[in-house]
């Protein structure tokens, strides 16, 4: 399910993931694999059923 995050590698940053009004960001000029890995670490404790892409570099976690 986290493969959708991989789709933004190479795009301009920052990488943004929202969940219940909280914003999780990875500051970067260009999104790289290492930014995806860091974001996965930030959101791994959050229960969600799917991820929806909201813009070219942002996502929302849905229950």
C-alpha atoms as a PDB file:
ATOM      1  CA  UNK A   1       0.000   0.000   0.000  1.00  0.00           C
ATOM      2  CA  UNK A   2       2.923   2.346   0.583  1.00  0.00           C
ATOM      3  CA  UNK A   3       3.949   1.942  -3.066  1.00  0.00           C
ATOM      4  CA  UNK A   4       1.911   5.046  -3.856  1.00  0.00           C
ATOM      5  CA  UNK A   5       4.496   7.078  -1.925  1.00  0.00           C
ATOM      6  CA  UNK A   6       7.187   5.742  -4.277  1.00  0.00           C
ATOM      7  CA  UNK A   7       5.364   7.357  -7.204  1.00  0.00           C
ATOM      8  CA  UNK A   8       6.535  10.842  -6.155  1.00  0.00           C
ATOM      9  CA  UNK A   9      10.272  10.084  -6.124  1.00  0.00           C
ATOM     10  CA  UNK A  10      11.905  12.662  -8.396  1.00  0.00           C
ATOM     11  CA  UNK A  11       9.188  15.286  -7.872  1.00  0.00           C
ATOM     12  CA  UNK A  12       9.824  18.575  -6.144  1.00  0.00           C
ATOM     13  CA  UNK A  13       9.350  18.508  -2.349  1.00  0.00           C
ATOM     14  CA  UNK A  14       8.385  18.739   0.366  1.00  0.00           C
ATOM     15  CA  UNK A  15       6.702  15.357   0.880  1.00  0.00           C
ATOM     16  CA  UNK A  16       3.490  15.812   2.878  1.00  0.00           C
ATOM     17  CA  UNK A  17       1.194  13.256   4.552  1.00  0.00           C
ATOM     18  CA  UNK A  18      -1.923  14.321   6.456  1.00  0.00           C
ATOM     19  CA  UNK A  19      -3.881  12.306   9.020  1.00  0.00           C
ATOM     20  CA  UNK A  20      -6.755  13.654  11.136  1.00  0.00           C
ATOM     21  CA  UNK A  21      -5.597  17.247  10.796  1.00  0.00           C
ATOM     22  CA  UNK A  22      -1.953  16.526  11.597  1.00  0.00           C
ATOM     23  CA  UNK A  23       0.641  17.209   8.927  1.00  0.00           C
ATOM     24  CA  UNK A  24       3.764  15.049   8.601  1.00  0.00           C
ATOM     25  CA  UNK A  25       6.434  16.503   6.315  1.00  0.00           C
ATOM     26  CA  UNK A  26       9.815  15.634   4.889  1.00  0.00           C
ATOM     27  CA  UNK A  27      11.581  18.821   3.899  1.00  0.00           C
ATOM     28  CA  UNK A  28      13.433  18.415   0.615  1.00  0.00           C
ATOM     29  CA  UNK A  29      13.938  20.148  -2.718  1.00  0.00           C
ATOM     30  CA  UNK A  30      13.550  16.930  -4.695  1.00  0.00           C
ATOM     31  CA  UNK A  31      11.879  13.864  -3.168  1.00  0.00           C
ATOM     32  CA  UNK A  32      14.283  10.924  -2.993  1.00  0.00           C
ATOM     33  CA  UNK A  33      13.955   7.328  -1.805  1.00  0.00           C
ATOM     34  CA  UNK A  34      15.455   8.262   1.562  1.00  0.00           C
ATOM     35  CA  UNK A  35      12.659  10.794   2.145  1.00  0.00           C
ATOM     36  CA  UNK A  36      10.080   8.076   1.482  1.00  0.00           C
ATOM     37  CA  UNK A  37      11.790   5.802   4.011  1.00  0.00           C
ATOM     38  CA  UNK A  38      11.810   8.572   6.623  1.00  0.00           C
ATOM     39  CA  UNK A  39       8.117   9.293   6.014  1.00  0.00           C
ATOM     40  CA  UNK A  40       7.220   5.623   6.376  1.00  0.00           C
ATOM     41  CA  UNK A  41       8.981   5.647   9.753  1.00  0.00           C
ATOM     42  CA  UNK A  42       6.951   8.703  10.804  1.00  0.00           C
ATOM     43  CA  UNK A  43       3.572   7.180   9.884  1.00  0.00           C
ATOM     44  CA  UNK A  44       4.097   3.488  10.679  1.00  0.00           C
ATOM     45  CA  UNK A  45       2.332   3.798  14.059  1.00  0.00           C
ATOM     46  CA  UNK A  46      -0.816   5.365  12.540  1.00  0.00           C
ATOM     47  CA  UNK A  47      -3.731   2.987  11.861  1.00  0.00           C
ATOM     48  CA  UNK A  48      -5.168   3.546   8.368  1.00  0.00           C
ATOM     49  CA  UNK A  49      -6.795   1.453   5.658  1.00  0.00           C
ATOM     50  CA  UNK A  50      -5.674   3.360   2.564  1.00  0.00           C
ATOM     51  CA  UNK A  51      -3.637   6.261   1.263  1.00  0.00           C
ATOM     52  CA  UNK A  52      -5.019   8.788  -1.182  1.00  0.00           C
ATOM     53  CA  UNK A  53      -2.845  11.163  -3.186  1.00  0.00           C
ATOM     54  CA  UNK A  54      -4.171  14.717  -2.918  1.00  0.00           C
ATOM     55  CA  UNK A  55      -1.587  16.643  -4.975  1.00  0.00           C
ATOM     56  CA  UNK A  56       1.609  15.830  -6.851  1.00  0.00           C
ATOM     57  CA  UNK A  57       3.508  15.566  -3.538  1.00  0.00           C
ATOM     58  CA  UNK A  58       0.924  15.202  -0.782  1.00  0.00           C
ATOM     59  CA  UNK A  59      -1.186  12.353   0.593  1.00  0.00           C
ATOM     60  CA  UNK A  60      -3.895  11.711   3.152  1.00  0.00           C
ATOM     61  CA  UNK A  61      -4.193   8.588   5.318  1.00  0.00           C
ATOM     62  CA  UNK A  62      -7.786   7.296   5.504  1.00  0.00           C
ATOM     63  CA  UNK A  63      -9.368   4.901   7.971  1.00  0.00           C
END
